[in-house]
Amino acid sequence: MNENLARCIETLTTSTAGLSNDRARIRVEGRWSIAEIVEHLQRAYAGTAKGLERCLETGAPSAKAFSMKHRFWAFVIVDLGYFPHGRPAPKHVARGGDHDVQIDRPRRH
């Protein structure tokens, strides 16, 4: 597994360890709940996987060239680690809120 993906899974697993589903649904000061954040990440990662599968099927990348604006925000968010507050999530990865989100617990072997 890719090192960055493994680190993401480890962060999610340790961050939600021992957290009940009721507690995960609590919103503080109008911000997203933990369950909504996990749902958002699941939708984003699933969309990325679907896009990669399409690229593999066609044998060609589907991405457009980044504009200077996109390059700037990618640098700010990815390289500097600053994520500005108040920016809406794209509709396809926004929280649904119309169903329960179950936080998967790591399986013990």
PDB file of N, CA and C in Angstrom:
ATOM      1  N   MET A   1       0.844  -1.175   0.000  1.00  0.00           N
ATOM      2  CA  MET A   1       0.000   0.000   0.000  1.00  0.00           C
ATOM      3  C   MET A   1       0.892   1.242   0.000  1.00  0.00           C
ATOM      4  N   ASN A   2       0.422   2.268  -0.665  1.00  0.00           N
ATOM      5  CA  ASN A   2       1.125   3.535  -0.709  1.00  0.00           C
ATOM      6  C   ASN A   2       1.312   4.079   0.707  1.00  0.00           C
ATOM      7  N   GLU A   3       2.493   4.613   0.985  1.00  0.00           N
ATOM      8  CA  GLU A   3       2.816   5.120   2.323  1.00  0.00           C
ATOM      9  C   GLU A   3       1.851   6.217   2.784  1.00  0.00           C
ATOM     10  N   ASN A   4       1.463   7.109   1.882  1.00  0.00           N
ATOM     11  CA  ASN A   4       0.552   8.188   2.258  1.00  0.00           C
ATOM     12  C   ASN A   4      -0.843   7.652   2.585  1.00  0.00           C
ATOM     13  N   LEU A   5      -1.324   6.679   1.806  1.00  0.00           N
ATOM     14  CA  LEU A   5      -2.625   6.080   2.101  1.00  0.00           C
ATOM     15  C   LEU A   5      -2.592   5.319   3.418  1.00  0.00           C
ATOM     16  N   ALA A   6      -1.517   4.612   3.662  1.00  0.00           N
ATOM     17  CA  ALA A   6      -1.373   3.884   4.925  1.00  0.00           C
ATOM     18  C   ALA A   6      -1.400   4.859   6.101  1.00  0.00           C
ATOM     19  N   ARG A   7      -0.746   6.000   5.953  1.00  0.00           N
ATOM     20  CA  ARG A   7      -0.737   7.020   7.007  1.00  0.00           C
ATOM     21  C   ARG A   7      -2.141   7.594   7.223  1.00  0.00           C
ATOM     22  N   CYS A   8      -2.899   7.787   6.133  1.00  0.00           N
ATOM     23  CA  CYS A   8      -4.285   8.273   6.242  1.00  0.00           C
ATOM     24  C   CYS A   8      -5.143   7.277   7.014  1.00  0.00           C
ATOM     25  N   ILE A   9      -5.029   6.004   6.666  1.00  0.00           N
ATOM     26  CA  ILE A   9      -5.810   4.973   7.348  1.00  0.00           C
ATOM     27  C   ILE A   9      -5.439   4.921   8.821  1.00  0.00           C
ATOM     28  N   GLU A  10      -4.170   4.982   9.118  1.00  0.00           N
ATOM     29  CA  GLU A  10      -3.709   4.950  10.512  1.00  0.00           C
ATOM     30  C   GLU A  10      -4.234   6.162  11.285  1.00  0.00           C
ATOM     31  N   THR A  11      -4.209   7.329  10.671  1.00  0.00           N
ATOM     32  CA  THR A  11      -4.721   8.543  11.329  1.00  0.00           C
ATOM     33  C   THR A  11      -6.210   8.423  11.608  1.00  0.00           C
ATOM     34  N   LEU A  12      -6.978   7.965  10.631  1.00  0.00           N
ATOM     35  CA  LEU A  12      -8.424   7.774  10.830  1.00  0.00           C
ATOM     36  C   LEU A  12      -8.702   6.736  11.907  1.00  0.00           C
ATOM     37  N   THR A  13      -7.976   5.653  11.875  1.00  0.00           N
ATOM     38  CA  THR A  13      -8.189   4.573  12.840  1.00  0.00           C
ATOM     39  C   THR A  13      -7.889   5.042  14.261  1.00  0.00           C
ATOM     40  N   THR A  14      -6.761   5.684  14.459  1.00  0.00           N
ATOM     41  CA  THR A  14      -6.406   6.127  15.810  1.00  0.00           C
ATOM     42  C   THR A  14      -7.280   7.293  16.265  1.00  0.00           C
ATOM     43  N   SER A  15      -7.693   8.138  15.341  1.00  0.00           N
ATOM     44  CA  SER A  15      -8.520   9.289  15.702  1.00  0.00           C
ATOM     45  C   SER A  15      -9.932   8.902  16.104  1.00  0.00           C
ATOM     46  N   THR A  16     -10.424   7.778  15.604  1.00  0.00           N
ATOM     47  CA  THR A  16     -11.798   7.358  15.903  1.00  0.00           C
ATOM     48  C   THR A  16     -11.853   6.171  16.860  1.00  0.00           C
ATOM     49  N   ALA A  17     -10.710   5.710  17.341  1.00  0.00           N
ATOM     50  CA  ALA A  17     -10.682   4.566  18.259  1.00  0.00           C
ATOM     51  C   ALA A  17     -11.474   4.886  19.523  1.00  0.00           C
ATOM     52  N   GLY A  18     -12.386   3.987  19.874  1.00  0.00           N
ATOM     53  CA  GLY A  18     -13.172   4.155  21.097  1.00  0.00           C
ATOM     54  C   GLY A  18     -14.307   5.158  20.984  1.00  0.00           C
ATOM     55  N   LEU A  19     -14.521   5.702  19.817  1.00  0.00           N
ATOM     56  CA  LEU A  19     -15.558   6.714  19.610  1.00  0.00           C
ATOM     57  C   LEU A  19     -16.879   6.042  19.262  1.00  0.00           C
ATOM     58  N   SER A  20     -17.925   6.339  20.030  1.00  0.00           N
ATOM     59  CA  SER A  20     -19.236   5.761  19.723  1.00  0.00           C
ATOM     60  C   SER A  20     -19.837   6.485  18.527  1.00  0.00           C
ATOM     61  N   ASN A  21     -20.753   5.802  17.835  1.00  0.00           N
ATOM     62  CA  ASN A  21     -21.408   6.429  16.688  1.00  0.00           C
ATOM     63  C   ASN A  21     -22.233   7.640  17.107  1.00  0.00           C
ATOM     64  N   ASP A  22     -22.857   7.581  18.294  1.00  0.00           N
ATOM     65  CA  ASP A  22     -23.608   8.745  18.783  1.00  0.00           C
ATOM     66  C   ASP A  22     -22.691   9.942  18.982  1.00  0.00           C
ATOM     67  N   ARG A  23     -21.563   9.709  19.583  1.00  0.00           N
ATOM     68  CA  ARG A  23     -20.590  10.803  19.822  1.00  0.00           C
ATOM     69  C   ARG A  23     -20.040  11.321  18.494  1.00  0.00           C
ATOM     70  N   ALA A  24     -19.846  10.434  17.529  1.00  0.00           N
ATOM     71  CA  ALA A  24     -19.288  10.833  16.227  1.00  0.00           C
ATOM     72  C   ALA A  24     -20.232  11.750  15.454  1.00  0.00           C
ATOM     73  N   ARG A  25     -21.533  11.709  15.779  1.00  0.00           N
ATOM     74  CA  ARG A  25     -22.509  12.540  15.065  1.00  0.00           C
ATOM     75  C   ARG A  25     -22.688  13.929  15.674  1.00  0.00           C
ATOM     76  N   ILE A  26     -22.018  14.212  16.775  1.00  0.00           N
ATOM     77  CA  ILE A  26     -22.176  15.505  17.448  1.00  0.00           C
ATOM     78  C   ILE A  26     -21.471  16.600  16.649  1.00  0.00           C
ATOM     79  N   ARG A  27     -22.195  17.701  16.417  1.00  0.00           N
ATOM     80  CA  ARG A  27     -21.618  18.873  15.759  1.00  0.00           C
ATOM     81  C   ARG A  27     -21.299  19.927  16.818  1.00  0.00           C
ATOM     82  N   VAL A  28     -20.192  20.589  16.666  1.00  0.00           N
ATOM     83  CA  VAL A  28     -19.797  21.650  17.581  1.00  0.00           C
ATOM     84  C   VAL A  28     -19.775  22.967  16.808  1.00  0.00           C
ATOM     85  N   GLU A  29     -20.535  23.930  17.299  1.00  0.00           N
ATOM     86  CA  GLU A  29     -20.570  25.278  16.720  1.00  0.00           C
ATOM     87  C   GLU A  29     -20.791  25.275  15.210  1.00  0.00           C
ATOM     88  N   GLY A  30     -21.718  24.426  14.735  1.00  0.00           N
ATOM     89  CA  GLY A  30     -22.059  24.407  13.322  1.00  0.00           C
ATOM     90  C   GLY A  30     -21.046  23.750  12.412  1.00  0.00           C
ATOM     91  N   ARG A  31     -19.998  23.203  12.981  1.00  0.00           N
ATOM     92  CA  ARG A  31     -18.979  22.530  12.157  1.00  0.00           C
ATOM     93  C   ARG A  31     -19.402  21.103  11.885  1.00  0.00           C
ATOM     94  N   TRP A  32     -18.755  20.464  10.934  1.00  0.00           N
ATOM     95  CA  TRP A  32     -19.068  19.081  10.599  1.00  0.00           C
ATOM     96  C   TRP A  32     -18.747  18.177  11.785  1.00  0.00           C
ATOM     97  N   SER A  33     -19.551  17.137  11.924  1.00  0.00           N
ATOM     98  CA  SER A  33     -19.276  16.135  12.949  1.00  0.00           C
ATOM     99  C   SER A  33     -18.159  15.217  12.444  1.00  0.00           C
ATOM    100  N   ILE A  34     -17.644  14.404  13.345  1.00  0.00           N
ATOM    101  CA  ILE A  34     -16.606  13.442  12.960  1.00  0.00           C
ATOM    102  C   ILE A  34     -17.160  12.469  11.921  1.00  0.00           C
ATOM    103  N   ALA A  35     -18.402  12.010  12.113  1.00  0.00           N
ATOM    104  CA  ALA A  35     -19.012  11.090  11.153  1.00  0.00           C
ATOM    105  C   ALA A  35     -19.141  11.741   9.778  1.00  0.00           C
ATOM    106  N   GLU A  36     -19.483  13.022   9.738  1.00  0.00           N
ATOM    107  CA  GLU A  36     -19.606  13.723   8.456  1.00  0.00           C
ATOM    108  C   GLU A  36     -18.247  13.882   7.782  1.00  0.00           C
ATOM    109  N   ILE A  37     -17.219  14.100   8.571  1.00  0.00           N
ATOM    110  CA  ILE A  37     -15.864  14.201   8.013  1.00  0.00           C
ATOM    111  C   ILE A  37     -15.434  12.858   7.421  1.00  0.00           C
ATOM    112  N   VAL A  38     -15.709  11.770   8.155  1.00  0.00           N
ATOM    113  CA  VAL A  38     -15.367  10.437   7.649  1.00  0.00           C
ATOM    114  C   VAL A  38     -16.155  10.149   6.374  1.00  0.00           C
ATOM    115  N   GLU A  39     -17.435  10.529   6.346  1.00  0.00           N
ATOM    116  CA  GLU A  39     -18.258  10.348   5.139  1.00  0.00           C
ATOM    117  C   GLU A  39     -17.669  11.133   3.965  1.00  0.00           C
ATOM    118  N   HIS A  40     -17.272  12.368   4.218  1.00  0.00           N
ATOM    119  CA  HIS A  40     -16.665  13.215   3.182  1.00  0.00           C
ATOM    120  C   HIS A  40     -15.399  12.554   2.629  1.00  0.00           C
ATOM    121  N   LEU A  41     -14.540  12.064   3.516  1.00  0.00           N
ATOM    122  CA  LEU A  41     -13.304  11.418   3.075  1.00  0.00           C
ATOM    123  C   LEU A  41     -13.601  10.155   2.274  1.00  0.00           C
ATOM    124  N   GLN A  42     -14.595   9.380   2.719  1.00  0.00           N
ATOM    125  CA  GLN A  42     -14.966   8.158   1.994  1.00  0.00           C
ATOM    126  C   GLN A  42     -15.427   8.511   0.587  1.00  0.00           C
ATOM    127  N   ARG A  43     -16.264   9.535   0.453  1.00  0.00           N
ATOM    128  CA  ARG A  43     -16.749   9.934  -0.871  1.00  0.00           C
ATOM    129  C   ARG A  43     -15.598  10.430  -1.744  1.00  0.00           C
ATOM    130  N   ALA A  44     -14.695  11.204  -1.166  1.00  0.00           N
ATOM    131  CA  ALA A  44     -13.563  11.725  -1.935  1.00  0.00           C
ATOM    132  C   ALA A  44     -12.649  10.597  -2.406  1.00  0.00           C
ATOM    133  N   TYR A  45     -12.318   9.651  -1.511  1.00  0.00           N
ATOM    134  CA  TYR A  45     -11.437   8.552  -1.879  1.00  0.00           C
ATOM    135  C   TYR A  45     -12.099   7.620  -2.884  1.00  0.00           C
ATOM    136  N   ALA A  46     -13.413   7.389  -2.731  1.00  0.00           N
ATOM    137  CA  ALA A  46     -14.136   6.534  -3.688  1.00  0.00           C
ATOM    138  C   ALA A  46     -14.153   7.186  -5.070  1.00  0.00           C
ATOM    139  N   GLY A  47     -14.350   8.495  -5.111  1.00  0.00           N
ATOM    140  CA  GLY A  47     -14.330   9.210  -6.388  1.00  0.00           C
ATOM    141  C   GLY A  47     -12.964   9.154  -7.050  1.00  0.00           C
ATOM    142  N   THR A  48     -11.923   9.277  -6.239  1.00  0.00           N
ATOM    143  CA  THR A  48     -10.562   9.193  -6.765  1.00  0.00           C
ATOM    144  C   THR A  48     -10.305   7.799  -7.334  1.00  0.00           C
ATOM    145  N   ALA A  49     -10.734   6.771  -6.613  1.00  0.00           N
ATOM    146  CA  ALA A  49     -10.546   5.402  -7.087  1.00  0.00           C
ATOM    147  C   ALA A  49     -11.293   5.179  -8.395  1.00  0.00           C
ATOM    148  N   LYS A  50     -12.520   5.697  -8.483  1.00  0.00           N
ATOM    149  CA  LYS A  50     -13.306   5.543  -9.712  1.00  0.00           C
ATOM    150  C   LYS A  50     -12.611   6.248 -10.879  1.00  0.00           C
ATOM    151  N   GLY A  51     -12.094   7.428 -10.642  1.00  0.00           N
ATOM    152  CA  GLY A  51     -11.383   8.162 -11.691  1.00  0.00           C
ATOM    153  C   GLY A  51     -10.129   7.431 -12.151  1.00  0.00           C
ATOM    154  N   LEU A  52      -9.399   6.853 -11.197  1.00  0.00           N
ATOM    155  CA  LEU A  52      -8.203   6.088 -11.552  1.00  0.00           C
ATOM    156  C   LEU A  52      -8.563   4.848 -12.358  1.00  0.00           C
ATOM    157  N   GLU A  53      -9.660   4.195 -11.997  1.00  0.00           N
ATOM    158  CA  GLU A  53     -10.101   3.022 -12.757  1.00  0.00           C
ATOM    159  C   GLU A  53     -10.438   3.405 -14.202  1.00  0.00           C
ATOM    160  N   ARG A  54     -11.091   4.556 -14.388  1.00  0.00           N
ATOM    161  CA  ARG A  54     -11.404   5.016 -15.751  1.00  0.00           C
ATOM    162  C   ARG A  54     -10.118   5.267 -16.547  1.00  0.00           C
ATOM    163  N   CYS A  55      -9.148   5.862 -15.895  1.00  0.00           N
ATOM    164  CA  CYS A  55      -7.867   6.120 -16.571  1.00  0.00           C
ATOM    165  C   CYS A  55      -7.195   4.813 -16.980  1.00  0.00           C
ATOM    166  N   LEU A  56      -7.249   3.823 -16.113  1.00  0.00           N
ATOM    167  CA  LEU A  56      -6.647   2.528 -16.434  1.00  0.00           C
ATOM    168  C   LEU A  56      -7.381   1.849 -17.581  1.00  0.00           C
ATOM    169  N   GLU A  57      -8.714   1.982 -17.604  1.00  0.00           N
ATOM    170  CA  GLU A  57      -9.506   1.383 -18.684  1.00  0.00           C
ATOM    171  C   GLU A  57      -9.206   2.022 -20.034  1.00  0.00           C
ATOM    172  N   THR A  58      -9.074   3.352 -20.048  1.00  0.00           N
ATOM    173  CA  THR A  58      -8.839   4.060 -21.312  1.00  0.00           C
ATOM    174  C   THR A  58      -7.365   4.141 -21.674  1.00  0.00           C
ATOM    175  N   GLY A  59      -6.499   3.944 -20.685  1.00  0.00           N
ATOM    176  CA  GLY A  59      -5.069   4.041 -20.927  1.00  0.00           C
ATOM    177  C   GLY A  59      -4.572   5.467 -21.066  1.00  0.00           C
ATOM    178  N   ALA A  60      -5.395   6.429 -20.633  1.00  0.00           N
ATOM    179  CA  ALA A  60      -5.003   7.833 -20.741  1.00  0.00           C
ATOM    180  C   ALA A  60      -5.496   8.615 -19.524  1.00  0.00           C
ATOM    181  N   PRO A  61      -4.742   9.627 -19.121  1.00  0.00           N
ATOM    182  CA  PRO A  61      -5.208  10.458 -18.005  1.00  0.00           C
ATOM    183  C   PRO A  61      -6.426  11.276 -18.427  1.00  0.00           C
ATOM    184  N   SER A  62      -7.299  11.544 -17.456  1.00  0.00           N
ATOM    185  CA  SER A  62      -8.499  12.322 -17.765  1.00  0.00           C
ATOM    186  C   SER A  62      -8.410  13.750 -17.242  1.00  0.00           C
ATOM    187  N   ALA A  63      -7.366  14.041 -16.520  1.00  0.00           N
ATOM    188  CA  ALA A  63      -7.233  15.361 -15.894  1.00  0.00           C
ATOM    189  C   ALA A  63      -6.864  16.438 -16.913  1.00  0.00           C
ATOM    190  N   LYS A  64      -7.385  17.613 -16.648  1.00  0.00           N
ATOM    191  CA  LYS A  64      -7.014  18.782 -17.449  1.00  0.00           C
ATOM    192  C   LYS A  64      -5.766  19.400 -16.837  1.00  0.00           C
ATOM    193  N   ALA A  65      -5.115  20.246 -17.601  1.00  0.00           N
ATOM    194  CA  ALA A  65      -3.951  20.953 -17.075  1.00  0.00           C
ATOM    195  C   ALA A  65      -4.402  21.900 -15.965  1.00  0.00           C
ATOM    196  N   PHE A  66      -3.599  21.992 -14.907  1.00  0.00           N
ATOM    197  CA  PHE A  66      -3.903  22.898 -13.798  1.00  0.00           C
ATOM    198  C   PHE A  66      -3.731  24.345 -14.224  1.00  0.00           C
ATOM    199  N   SER A  67      -4.666  25.177 -13.831  1.00  0.00           N
ATOM    200  CA  SER A  67      -4.511  26.615 -14.035  1.00  0.00           C
ATOM    201  C   SER A  67      -3.590  27.142 -12.936  1.00  0.00           C
ATOM    202  N   MET A  68      -3.148  28.362 -13.069  1.00  0.00           N
ATOM    203  CA  MET A  68      -2.299  28.967 -12.038  1.00  0.00           C
ATOM    204  C   MET A  68      -3.051  29.041 -10.711  1.00  0.00           C
ATOM    205  N   LYS A  69      -4.350  29.302 -10.749  1.00  0.00           N
ATOM    206  CA  LYS A  69      -5.163  29.355  -9.531  1.00  0.00           C
ATOM    207  C   LYS A  69      -5.162  27.991  -8.840  1.00  0.00           C
ATOM    208  N   HIS A  70      -5.350  26.920  -9.623  1.00  0.00           N
ATOM    209  CA  HIS A  70      -5.336  25.580  -9.039  1.00  0.00           C
ATOM    210  C   HIS A  70      -3.959  25.230  -8.481  1.00  0.00           C
ATOM    211  N   ARG A  71      -2.923  25.618  -9.190  1.00  0.00           N
ATOM    212  CA  ARG A  71      -1.561  25.358  -8.705  1.00  0.00           C
ATOM    213  C   ARG A  71      -1.304  26.086  -7.393  1.00  0.00           C
ATOM    214  N   PHE A  72      -1.781  27.329  -7.301  1.00  0.00           N
ATOM    215  CA  PHE A  72      -1.610  28.117  -6.080  1.00  0.00           C
ATOM    216  C   PHE A  72      -2.286  27.423  -4.898  1.00  0.00           C
ATOM    217  N   TRP A  73      -3.581  27.046  -5.070  1.00  0.00           N
ATOM    218  CA  TRP A  73      -4.312  26.434  -3.968  1.00  0.00           C
ATOM    219  C   TRP A  73      -3.772  25.051  -3.628  1.00  0.00           C
ATOM    220  N   ALA A  74      -3.307  24.311  -4.605  1.00  0.00           N
ATOM    221  CA  ALA A  74      -2.688  23.013  -4.322  1.00  0.00           C
ATOM    222  C   ALA A  74      -1.442  23.214  -3.462  1.00  0.00           C
ATOM    223  N   PHE A  75      -0.638  24.220  -3.780  1.00  0.00           N
ATOM    224  CA  PHE A  75       0.564  24.525  -2.995  1.00  0.00           C
ATOM    225  C   PHE A  75       0.188  24.923  -1.570  1.00  0.00           C
ATOM    226  N   VAL A  76      -0.783  25.808  -1.435  1.00  0.00           N
ATOM    227  CA  VAL A  76      -1.189  26.300  -0.115  1.00  0.00           C
ATOM    228  C   VAL A  76      -1.707  25.145   0.748  1.00  0.00           C
ATOM    229  N   ILE A  77      -2.584  24.314   0.174  1.00  0.00           N
ATOM    230  CA  ILE A  77      -3.216  23.247   0.953  1.00  0.00           C
ATOM    231  C   ILE A  77      -2.279  22.061   1.169  1.00  0.00           C
ATOM    232  N   VAL A  78      -1.662  21.580   0.100  1.00  0.00           N
ATOM    233  CA  VAL A  78      -0.844  20.368   0.197  1.00  0.00           C
ATOM    234  C   VAL A  78       0.535  20.658   0.770  1.00  0.00           C
ATOM    235  N   ASP A  79       1.223  21.635   0.219  1.00  0.00           N
ATOM    236  CA  ASP A  79       2.601  21.891   0.649  1.00  0.00           C
ATOM    237  C   ASP A  79       2.691  22.668   1.958  1.00  0.00           C
ATOM    238  N   LEU A  80       1.859  23.693   2.109  1.00  0.00           N
ATOM    239  CA  LEU A  80       1.916  24.499   3.325  1.00  0.00           C
ATOM    240  C   LEU A  80       1.034  23.940   4.440  1.00  0.00           C
ATOM    241  N   GLY A  81       0.080  23.072   4.080  1.00  0.00           N
ATOM    242  CA  GLY A  81      -0.782  22.478   5.081  1.00  0.00           C
ATOM    243  C   GLY A  81      -1.848  23.412   5.619  1.00  0.00           C
ATOM    244  N   TYR A  82      -2.138  24.490   4.905  1.00  0.00           N
ATOM    245  CA  TYR A  82      -3.169  25.432   5.340  1.00  0.00           C
ATOM    246  C   TYR A  82      -4.439  25.191   4.552  1.00  0.00           C
ATOM    247  N   PHE A  83      -5.525  24.911   5.271  1.00  0.00           N
ATOM    248  CA  PHE A  83      -6.813  24.715   4.621  1.00  0.00           C
ATOM    249  C   PHE A  83      -7.738  25.824   5.083  1.00  0.00           C
ATOM    250  N   PRO A  84      -8.119  26.730   4.176  1.00  0.00           N
ATOM    251  CA  PRO A  84      -8.934  27.873   4.589  1.00  0.00           C
ATOM    252  C   PRO A  84     -10.329  27.443   5.041  1.00  0.00           C
ATOM    253  N   HIS A  85     -10.830  28.073   6.091  1.00  0.00           N
ATOM    254  CA  HIS A  85     -12.161  27.768   6.623  1.00  0.00           C
ATOM    255  C   HIS A  85     -13.225  28.452   5.786  1.00  0.00           C
ATOM    256  N   GLY A  86     -14.412  27.874   5.795  1.00  0.00           N
ATOM    257  CA  GLY A  86     -15.549  28.497   5.140  1.00  0.00           C
ATOM    258  C   GLY A  86     -15.690  28.191   3.662  1.00  0.00           C
ATOM    259  N   ARG A  87     -14.816  27.373   3.125  1.00  0.00           N
ATOM    260  CA  ARG A  87     -14.930  27.018   1.710  1.00  0.00           C
ATOM    261  C   ARG A  87     -15.817  25.782   1.599  1.00  0.00           C
ATOM    262  N   PRO A  88     -16.829  25.820   0.743  1.00  0.00           N
ATOM    263  CA  PRO A  88     -17.725  24.664   0.643  1.00  0.00           C
ATOM    264  C   PRO A  88     -17.049  23.492  -0.066  1.00  0.00           C
ATOM    265  N   ALA A  89     -17.422  22.296   0.363  1.00  0.00           N
ATOM    266  CA  ALA A  89     -16.913  21.090  -0.296  1.00  0.00           C
ATOM    267  C   ALA A  89     -17.618  20.940  -1.639  1.00  0.00           C
ATOM    268  N   PRO A  90     -16.935  20.384  -2.635  1.00  0.00           N
ATOM    269  CA  PRO A  90     -17.622  20.092  -3.897  1.00  0.00           C
ATOM    270  C   PRO A  90     -18.840  19.209  -3.643  1.00  0.00           C
ATOM    271  N   LYS A  91     -19.897  19.409  -4.411  1.00  0.00           N
ATOM    272  CA  LYS A  91     -21.163  18.715  -4.171  1.00  0.00           C
ATOM    273  C   LYS A  91     -21.017  17.196  -4.124  1.00  0.00           C
ATOM    274  N   HIS A  92     -20.157  16.634  -4.964  1.00  0.00           N
ATOM    275  CA  HIS A  92     -20.046  15.176  -5.023  1.00  0.00           C
ATOM    276  C   HIS A  92     -19.347  14.571  -3.805  1.00  0.00           C
ATOM    277  N   VAL A  93     -18.723  15.393  -2.960  1.00  0.00           N
ATOM    278  CA  VAL A  93     -18.079  14.873  -1.757  1.00  0.00           C
ATOM    279  C   VAL A  93     -18.590  15.542  -0.483  1.00  0.00           C
ATOM    280  N   ALA A  94     -19.609  16.396  -0.613  1.00  0.00           N
ATOM    281  CA  ALA A  94     -20.165  17.069   0.561  1.00  0.00           C
ATOM    282  C   ALA A  94     -20.901  16.078   1.439  1.00  0.00           C
ATOM    283  N   ARG A  95     -21.021  16.415   2.705  1.00  0.00           N
ATOM    284  CA  ARG A  95     -21.724  15.542   3.647  1.00  0.00           C
ATOM    285  C   ARG A  95     -23.159  15.343   3.196  1.00  0.00           C
ATOM    286  N   GLY A  96     -23.665  14.126   3.393  1.00  0.00           N
ATOM    287  CA  GLY A  96     -25.038  13.830   3.004  1.00  0.00           C
ATOM    288  C   GLY A  96     -26.013  14.172   4.107  1.00  0.00           C
ATOM    289  N   GLY A  97     -25.718  13.681   5.316  1.00  0.00           N
ATOM    290  CA  GLY A  97     -26.545  13.971   6.463  1.00  0.00           C
ATOM    291  C   GLY A  97     -27.891  13.278   6.465  1.00  0.00           C
ATOM    292  N   ASP A  98     -28.205  12.527   5.435  1.00  0.00           N
ATOM    293  CA  ASP A  98     -29.512  11.888   5.374  1.00  0.00           C
ATOM    294  C   ASP A  98     -29.466  10.408   5.750  1.00  0.00           C
ATOM    295  N   HIS A  99     -28.316   9.954   6.194  1.00  0.00           N
ATOM    296  CA  HIS A  99     -28.204   8.563   6.622  1.00  0.00           C
ATOM    297  C   HIS A  99     -27.148   8.453   7.709  1.00  0.00           C
ATOM    298  N   ASP A 100     -27.198   7.374   8.451  1.00  0.00           N
ATOM    299  CA  ASP A 100     -26.220   7.156   9.505  1.00  0.00           C
ATOM    300  C   ASP A 100     -24.882   6.746   8.902  1.00  0.00           C
ATOM    301  N   VAL A 101     -23.838   7.267   9.453  1.00  0.00           N
ATOM    302  CA  VAL A 101     -22.490   6.910   9.028  1.00  0.00           C
ATOM    303  C   VAL A 101     -21.893   6.042  10.122  1.00  0.00           C
ATOM    304  N   GLN A 102     -21.493   4.853   9.762  1.00  0.00           N
ATOM    305  CA  GLN A 102     -20.865   3.956  10.717  1.00  0.00           C
ATOM    306  C   GLN A 102     -19.358   4.097  10.596  1.00  0.00           C
ATOM    307  N   ILE A 103     -18.708   4.299  11.714  1.00  0.00           N
ATOM    308  CA  ILE A 103     -17.255   4.383  11.714  1.00  0.00           C
ATOM    309  C   ILE A 103     -16.722   2.983  11.939  1.00  0.00           C
ATOM    310  N   ASP A 104     -16.032   2.465  10.939  1.00  0.00           N
ATOM    311  CA  ASP A 104     -15.499   1.105  11.025  1.00  0.00           C
ATOM    312  C   ASP A 104     -14.395   1.043  12.065  1.00  0.00           C
ATOM    313  N   ARG A 105     -14.427   0.006  12.822  1.00  0.00           N
ATOM    314  CA  ARG A 105     -13.393  -0.242  13.833  1.00  0.00           C
ATOM    315  C   ARG A 105     -12.368  -1.185  13.249  1.00  0.00           C
ATOM    316  N   PRO A 106     -11.106  -1.005  13.611  1.00  0.00           N
ATOM    317  CA  PRO A 106     -10.085  -1.928  13.099  1.00  0.00           C
ATOM    318  C   PRO A 106     -10.365  -3.352  13.605  1.00  0.00           C
ATOM    319  N   ARG A 107     -10.101  -4.298  12.761  1.00  0.00           N
ATOM    320  CA  ARG A 107     -10.316  -5.693  13.131  1.00  0.00           C
ATOM    321  C   ARG A 107      -9.080  -6.220  13.855  1.00  0.00           C
ATOM    322  N   ARG A 108      -9.317  -6.917  14.911  1.00  0.00           N
ATOM    323  CA  ARG A 108      -8.213  -7.527  15.665  1.00  0.00           C
ATOM    324  C   ARG A 108      -7.956  -8.915  15.101  1.00  0.00           C
ATOM    325  N   HIS A 109      -6.695  -9.220  14.847  1.00  0.00           N
ATOM    326  CA  HIS A 109      -6.346 -10.542  14.293  1.00  0.00           C
ATOM    327  C   HIS A 109      -5.764 -11.411  15.340  1.00  0.00           C
TER     328      HIS A 109
END
